Amino acid sequence: MKKAFLGMMLACALLWIAPADGQTKRKVVFGVPVTPPNVVHIPPYIAKDMGFFAEYGIEVELVTFEGGTQTLRGSVAGGLDITGTSADPAIVGAARGAGTKVVGTYSHKLSQSMLVQGDIKTCKELKGRKIGIQEVGAFSEVLSRAVMSTCGLTQKDVQYVNVSTKGRVSGLLTGQIDTAILHVDQALVAKKKKPDLNILVNLWETLPKWLYAVYIAPGNQLAENRQLYVDLEAALIKANRFMYKDKAKTVEIAIKYTKGDQQVVSQTYDILANAGAWPVNDGLPKEMVEWTINRQVEVGTIKAAEKPSYDKLVEVSVIDAAIKKVGGRLTGDKRWD
């Protein structure tokens, strides 16, 4: 009887230490921008497929949107625990009291080009032309405005045409639009189909300090469940580091979700990896973040009096804890030194 009782207690203890799969999983709704994603957007998909979220007891539901502005709205409205978005709407949201905080980034460096019709050779020749944007204040519009500002043009000098992220390539091919900001893989596909399209500027060369993208979380949820966000960010950092180590598996997963051509996805991976587009540490240096905030004032998306401070925008303690959790900062490579 005594042995049976001890055996039962031991079994109970083992169940408590190693509960059945799913019993201790923390469920998270993760908003991801662009559907289907481009190669640059795949870190959350890598983290899910490679089991990095599960490793920390997190069950993630990926919910896709048409772009970063919509994911920001979804985060503010509620229902999303963490959200990927371009930095511009995140900064605007913080400036206007959205109550969200940055907890990481999937790609800190710009990785897009402005592609134009073949007869456009200079920035000034954008005057009077049709620019494909998602909406005013969204990533593509803000960056288009930034490019135009280099040659004295404003949004009043062009015609905006609303197209989805996915629709920018077809818009250029059919002549619906004259120019658009495209991701690397989109530009490769477009030029393959219409070789006379020109890359007017590569944004990572023109705007090397511009912060591209971030993960944001509702401030109230962050305060209530800080450890969850530390674990989420740790899983995402692991995904980024994995991507540099295993091109073949990364390209395989990227093709699965982007539905892209193998050659284009592979070529895009090489361009992004060589540029160090995916951060292996925090990817949010204060100088870069503050430079981008100041550019929002210069292009007119926020007023100087609204500028959020670095600490108001970024939840540094969560990111630092996540880096410590995955073994500390990586060094020794010019892409992240």
Protein backbone atom coordinates (compact mmCIF):
# COMPACT_ATOMS: atom_id res chain seq x y z
CA MET A 1 0.00 0.00 0.00
CA LYS A 2 2.79 2.36 0.99
CA LYS A 3 4.75 1.51 -2.18
CA ALA A 4 1.65 2.09 -4.31
CA PHE A 5 1.10 5.48 -2.67
CA LEU A 6 4.73 6.51 -3.22
CA GLY A 7 4.52 5.36 -6.83
CA MET A 8 1.41 7.42 -7.38
CA MET A 9 3.07 10.50 -5.82
CA LEU A 10 6.14 10.05 -8.02
CA ALA A 11 3.97 9.81 -11.11
CA CYS A 12 2.17 13.00 -10.11
CA ALA A 13 5.50 14.76 -9.55
CA LEU A 14 6.72 13.74 -13.00
CA LEU A 15 3.51 14.99 -14.57
CA TRP A 16 3.99 18.34 -12.83
CA ILE A 17 7.60 18.63 -14.00
CA ALA A 18 6.83 17.52 -17.57
CA PRO A 19 3.17 18.19 -18.30
CA ALA A 20 1.53 16.91 -21.45
CA ASP A 21 2.22 18.94 -24.56
CA GLY A 22 0.05 22.04 -24.76
CA GLN A 23 -0.89 22.18 -21.06
CA THR A 24 1.57 24.96 -20.24
CA LYS A 25 1.71 26.65 -23.64
CA ARG A 26 1.13 30.38 -23.62
CA LYS A 27 -0.97 31.34 -26.63
CA VAL A 28 0.04 34.46 -28.56
CA VAL A 29 -1.61 36.19 -31.52
CA PHE A 30 1.18 37.56 -33.70
CA GLY A 31 0.34 40.18 -36.34
CA VAL A 32 2.64 39.99 -39.37
CA PRO A 33 2.72 42.60 -42.15
CA VAL A 34 2.20 41.81 -45.84
CA THR A 35 0.38 38.81 -47.21
CA PRO A 36 2.00 36.78 -48.57
CA PRO A 37 5.20 37.90 -46.82
CA ASN A 38 8.34 38.96 -48.64
CA VAL A 39 11.62 37.26 -47.76
CA VAL A 40 12.57 40.06 -45.36
CA HIS A 41 9.42 39.36 -43.28
CA ILE A 42 10.06 35.68 -42.54
CA PRO A 43 11.73 35.62 -39.08
CA PRO A 44 8.44 34.86 -37.22
CA TYR A 45 7.72 32.06 -39.69
CA ILE A 46 11.21 30.65 -39.11
CA ALA A 47 10.72 30.88 -35.33
CA LYS A 48 7.46 28.96 -35.62
CA ASP A 49 8.54 26.28 -38.09
CA MET A 50 11.89 25.65 -36.39
CA GLY A 51 10.27 25.31 -32.96
CA PHE A 52 11.89 28.32 -31.29
CA PHE A 53 8.57 29.63 -29.97
CA ALA A 54 7.63 26.16 -28.71
CA GLU A 55 11.01 25.88 -26.99
CA TYR A 56 9.88 28.68 -24.68
CA GLY A 57 6.39 27.27 -24.19
CA ILE A 58 4.71 29.66 -26.62
CA GLU A 59 2.03 28.70 -29.14
CA VAL A 60 1.84 31.36 -31.84
CA GLU A 61 -1.01 32.13 -34.22
CA LEU A 62 0.28 34.22 -37.14
CA VAL A 63 -2.31 36.68 -38.44
CA THR A 64 -1.44 38.43 -41.71
CA PHE A 65 -2.26 41.97 -42.80
CA GLU A 66 -1.78 44.01 -45.97
CA GLY A 67 0.92 46.17 -44.39
CA GLY A 68 2.49 47.65 -41.30
CA THR A 69 -0.09 50.39 -40.77
CA GLN A 70 -2.90 47.84 -40.57
CA THR A 71 -0.95 45.72 -38.08
CA LEU A 72 -0.39 48.80 -35.93
CA ARG A 73 -4.11 49.51 -35.97
CA GLY A 74 -4.77 45.91 -35.04
CA SER A 75 -2.40 46.22 -32.10
CA VAL A 76 -3.99 49.44 -30.87
CA ALA A 77 -7.52 48.06 -31.31
CA GLY A 78 -6.66 44.95 -29.31
CA GLY A 79 -6.49 41.27 -30.19
CA LEU A 80 -2.81 41.22 -31.16
CA ASP A 81 -0.18 40.43 -28.54
CA ILE A 82 2.82 41.35 -30.69
CA THR A 83 2.96 42.98 -34.10
CA GLY A 84 5.48 43.46 -36.89
CA THR A 85 5.32 46.84 -38.59
CA SER A 86 7.54 49.34 -40.35
CA ALA A 87 9.10 51.84 -37.97
CA ASP A 88 7.33 54.88 -39.42
CA PRO A 89 3.77 54.12 -38.25
CA ALA A 90 5.16 52.80 -34.96
CA ILE A 91 6.88 56.13 -34.34
CA VAL A 92 3.77 58.07 -35.38
CA GLY A 93 1.65 55.89 -33.10
CA ALA A 94 3.97 56.46 -30.14
CA ALA A 95 3.99 60.19 -30.84
CA ARG A 96 0.19 60.31 -30.76
CA GLY A 97 -0.38 58.20 -27.67
CA ALA A 98 -1.12 54.78 -29.18
CA GLY A 99 0.23 53.13 -26.04
CA THR A 100 2.52 50.69 -27.85
CA LYS A 101 6.22 49.98 -27.24
CA VAL A 102 8.94 48.57 -29.48
CA VAL A 103 10.22 45.19 -28.27
CA GLY A 104 12.51 44.24 -31.17
CA THR A 105 12.91 44.32 -34.95
CA TYR A 106 12.78 41.82 -37.79
CA SER A 107 14.92 44.02 -40.07
CA HIS A 108 16.51 47.23 -38.89
CA LYS A 109 18.14 48.18 -42.21
CA LEU A 110 16.13 49.33 -45.21
CA SER A 111 16.10 46.62 -47.86
CA GLN A 112 13.99 48.23 -50.57
CA SER A 113 14.50 50.03 -53.86
CA MET A 114 12.50 52.68 -55.70
CA LEU A 115 11.72 51.11 -59.05
CA VAL A 116 10.63 53.40 -61.90
CA GLN A 117 9.48 53.18 -65.49
CA GLY A 118 12.30 53.19 -68.04
CA ASP A 119 11.89 56.80 -69.10
CA ILE A 120 12.51 58.13 -65.57
CA LYS A 121 16.22 58.71 -65.02
CA THR A 122 16.38 61.25 -62.19
CA CYS A 123 14.49 62.14 -59.04
CA LYS A 124 13.20 65.40 -60.56
CA GLU A 125 11.54 63.40 -63.36
CA LEU A 126 9.13 62.00 -60.79
CA LYS A 127 7.21 65.28 -61.01
CA GLY A 128 3.67 64.67 -62.25
CA ARG A 129 4.08 60.90 -62.21
CA LYS A 130 1.98 58.23 -60.48
CA ILE A 131 3.49 56.78 -57.31
CA GLY A 132 2.09 53.54 -55.93
CA ILE A 133 1.53 53.69 -52.18
CA GLN A 134 -0.47 51.72 -49.68
CA GLU A 135 -1.81 54.83 -47.96
CA VAL A 136 -0.59 58.20 -46.74
CA GLY A 137 1.60 57.74 -43.66
CA ALA A 138 2.41 54.10 -44.43
CA PHE A 139 5.93 52.88 -45.12
CA SER A 140 5.95 53.19 -48.91
CA GLU A 141 4.48 56.70 -48.86
CA VAL A 142 6.86 58.00 -46.19
CA LEU A 143 9.89 56.58 -47.99
CA SER A 144 8.67 57.90 -51.35
CA ARG A 145 8.38 61.32 -49.74
CA ALA A 146 11.88 60.97 -48.31
CA VAL A 147 13.32 60.20 -51.76
CA MET A 148 11.46 63.13 -53.32
CA SER A 149 12.75 65.49 -50.65
CA THR A 150 16.30 64.87 -51.91
CA CYS A 151 15.46 66.74 -55.12
CA GLY A 152 13.04 69.34 -53.76
CA LEU A 153 9.77 67.57 -54.62
CA THR A 154 6.83 67.02 -52.28
CA GLN A 155 3.71 64.87 -52.38
CA LYS A 156 1.95 67.78 -54.08
CA ASP A 157 4.17 67.29 -57.12
CA VAL A 158 3.05 63.70 -57.79
CA GLN A 159 -0.10 61.60 -58.05
CA TYR A 160 -0.64 58.95 -55.41
CA VAL A 161 -2.25 55.69 -56.50
CA ASN A 162 -3.33 53.28 -53.77
CA VAL A 163 -2.05 49.74 -54.39
CA SER A 164 -1.38 46.85 -52.03
CA THR A 165 2.17 45.71 -51.33
CA LYS A 166 1.56 42.69 -53.56
CA GLY A 167 0.02 44.89 -56.27
CA ARG A 168 3.05 47.13 -56.78
CA VAL A 169 4.73 44.75 -59.23
CA SER A 170 1.64 44.30 -61.40
CA GLY A 171 1.02 48.07 -61.23
CA LEU A 172 4.46 48.75 -62.67
CA LEU A 173 4.14 46.03 -65.31
CA THR A 174 0.78 47.31 -66.57
CA GLY A 175 1.66 51.00 -66.35
CA GLN A 176 -0.94 51.68 -63.67
CA ILE A 177 1.85 53.36 -61.71
CA ASP A 178 5.17 54.91 -62.71
CA THR A 179 7.12 54.11 -59.57
CA ALA A 180 6.91 52.36 -56.22
CA ILE A 181 9.02 51.31 -53.27
CA LEU A 182 9.64 47.57 -53.68
CA HIS A 183 11.21 44.87 -51.56
CA VAL A 184 14.28 43.19 -53.04
CA ASP A 185 12.41 40.10 -54.22
CA GLN A 186 9.64 42.22 -55.76
CA ALA A 187 12.19 44.30 -57.67
CA LEU A 188 13.91 41.17 -58.95
CA VAL A 189 10.60 39.73 -60.18
CA ALA A 190 9.52 43.00 -61.80
CA LYS A 191 12.80 43.54 -63.66
CA LYS A 192 12.79 39.93 -64.81
CA LYS A 193 9.38 40.48 -66.40
CA LYS A 194 10.06 44.02 -67.65
CA PRO A 195 13.83 44.60 -68.06
CA ASP A 196 13.56 48.30 -68.93
CA LEU A 197 12.37 49.17 -65.41
CA ASN A 198 15.06 51.18 -63.60
CA ILE A 199 16.17 51.18 -59.98
CA LEU A 200 16.21 54.90 -59.24
CA VAL A 201 17.67 54.46 -55.74
CA ASN A 202 18.49 51.68 -53.32
CA LEU A 203 17.14 52.96 -50.02
CA TRP A 204 19.80 51.27 -47.88
CA GLU A 205 22.37 53.38 -49.75
CA THR A 206 20.41 56.63 -49.79
CA LEU A 207 19.11 56.34 -46.21
CA PRO A 208 21.57 54.08 -44.35
CA LYS A 209 20.48 55.28 -40.89
CA TRP A 210 16.74 54.87 -41.44
CA LEU A 211 15.25 52.23 -39.13
CA TYR A 212 13.07 49.99 -41.27
CA ALA A 213 10.96 47.73 -39.08
CA VAL A 214 10.04 46.87 -35.50
CA TYR A 215 7.99 44.54 -33.34
CA ILE A 216 5.55 46.37 -31.08
CA ALA A 217 3.43 45.33 -28.11
CA PRO A 218 0.60 47.04 -26.21
CA GLY A 219 2.14 48.81 -23.23
CA ASN A 220 -0.44 47.47 -20.77
CA GLN A 221 0.17 43.85 -21.82
CA LEU A 222 3.92 44.40 -21.66
CA ALA A 223 3.63 45.63 -18.08
CA GLU A 224 1.42 42.69 -17.06
CA ASN A 225 3.37 39.89 -18.75
CA ARG A 226 6.94 41.03 -19.23
CA GLN A 227 8.44 37.52 -19.22
CA LEU A 228 6.28 36.47 -22.16
CA TYR A 229 7.79 39.26 -24.26
CA VAL A 230 11.31 38.42 -23.16
CA ASP A 231 10.70 34.85 -24.33
CA LEU A 232 9.09 35.96 -27.60
CA GLU A 233 12.03 38.21 -28.41
CA ALA A 234 14.50 35.46 -27.47
CA ALA A 235 12.78 33.09 -29.91
CA LEU A 236 12.87 35.73 -32.64
CA ILE A 237 16.58 36.44 -32.08
CA LYS A 238 17.23 32.69 -32.30
CA ALA A 239 15.37 32.65 -35.62
CA ASN A 240 17.49 35.49 -37.01
CA ARG A 241 20.71 33.78 -35.96
CA PHE A 242 19.54 30.48 -37.47
CA MET A 243 18.87 32.19 -40.80
CA TYR A 244 22.52 33.15 -41.19
CA LYS A 245 23.67 29.62 -40.35
CA ASP A 246 21.35 27.61 -42.61
CA LYS A 247 20.57 29.14 -45.98
CA ALA A 248 19.02 25.98 -47.43
CA LYS A 249 16.40 25.58 -44.68
CA THR A 250 15.73 29.32 -44.56
CA VAL A 251 15.10 29.44 -48.32
CA GLU A 252 12.90 26.34 -48.06
CA ILE A 253 10.70 27.96 -45.40
CA ALA A 254 10.71 31.29 -47.24
CA ILE A 255 9.45 29.63 -50.43
CA LYS A 256 6.73 27.87 -48.44
CA TYR A 257 5.28 31.14 -47.16
CA THR A 258 6.19 33.71 -49.84
CA LYS A 259 5.18 31.37 -52.69
CA GLY A 260 8.17 32.84 -54.51
CA ASP A 261 10.37 31.44 -57.24
CA GLN A 262 13.29 29.43 -55.84
CA GLN A 263 15.91 31.40 -57.78
CA VAL A 264 14.46 34.76 -56.74
CA VAL A 265 14.13 33.74 -53.09
CA SER A 266 17.69 32.41 -53.03
CA GLN A 267 19.07 35.56 -54.66
CA THR A 268 17.07 37.74 -52.27
CA TYR A 269 18.38 35.77 -49.29
CA ASP A 270 21.97 36.39 -50.44
CA ILE A 271 21.40 40.14 -50.81
CA LEU A 272 19.72 40.47 -47.40
CA ALA A 273 22.17 38.20 -45.59
CA ASN A 274 25.19 39.96 -47.04
CA ALA A 275 23.72 43.29 -45.97
CA GLY A 276 23.03 41.99 -42.45
CA ALA A 277 19.36 42.92 -42.81
CA TRP A 278 18.21 40.58 -40.01
CA PRO A 279 19.62 41.65 -36.62
CA VAL A 280 21.31 39.02 -34.47
CA ASN A 281 21.34 41.31 -31.42
CA ASP A 282 18.92 44.14 -30.64
CA GLY A 283 19.10 45.93 -34.00
CA LEU A 284 17.91 49.13 -32.35
CA PRO A 285 20.93 51.38 -31.75
CA LYS A 286 19.86 54.64 -30.11
CA GLU A 287 21.52 56.79 -32.77
CA MET A 288 19.63 55.01 -35.57
CA VAL A 289 16.27 55.18 -33.80
CA GLU A 290 16.64 58.86 -32.95
CA TRP A 291 17.78 59.69 -36.50
CA THR A 292 14.65 58.01 -37.86
CA ILE A 293 12.43 59.86 -35.38
CA ASN A 294 13.95 63.15 -36.50
CA ARG A 295 13.38 62.25 -40.15
CA GLN A 296 9.68 61.79 -39.38
CA VAL A 297 9.64 65.44 -38.34
CA GLU A 298 11.55 66.51 -41.46
CA VAL A 299 9.17 64.75 -43.86
CA GLY A 300 6.16 65.99 -41.91
CA THR A 301 4.61 62.81 -40.52
CA ILE A 302 4.88 64.11 -36.94
CA LYS A 303 5.44 67.51 -35.37
CA ALA A 304 8.61 68.36 -33.47
CA ALA A 305 6.63 68.73 -30.24
CA GLU A 306 5.29 65.15 -30.65
CA LYS A 307 8.66 63.41 -30.97
CA PRO A 308 8.83 60.37 -28.69
CA SER A 309 12.08 59.84 -26.81
CA TYR A 310 14.09 56.66 -27.36
CA ASP A 311 13.04 55.33 -23.94
CA LYS A 312 9.39 56.11 -24.58
CA LEU A 313 9.50 54.23 -27.88
CA VAL A 314 11.74 51.22 -27.05
CA GLU A 315 11.37 48.76 -24.15
CA VAL A 316 15.13 48.27 -23.77
CA SER A 317 14.97 46.05 -20.66
CA VAL A 318 12.97 43.35 -22.46
CA ILE A 319 15.39 43.25 -25.39
CA ASP A 320 18.45 43.15 -23.11
CA ALA A 321 16.93 40.28 -21.11
CA ALA A 322 16.19 38.36 -24.34
CA ILE A 323 19.78 38.75 -25.58
CA LYS A 324 21.06 37.47 -22.23
CA LYS A 325 18.64 34.52 -22.46
CA VAL A 326 20.09 33.41 -25.82
CA GLY A 327 23.69 33.58 -24.60
CA GLY A 328 24.65 37.21 -25.03
CA ARG A 329 25.55 39.44 -27.95
CA LEU A 330 27.20 38.11 -31.12
CA THR A 331 30.31 39.85 -32.38
CA GLY A 332 33.07 39.10 -34.85
CA ASP A 333 31.20 39.84 -38.09
CA LYS A 334 31.21 43.24 -39.79
CA ARG A 335 27.44 42.89 -40.37
CA TRP A 336 26.72 43.22 -36.65
CA ASP A 337 29.87 44.54 -34.97
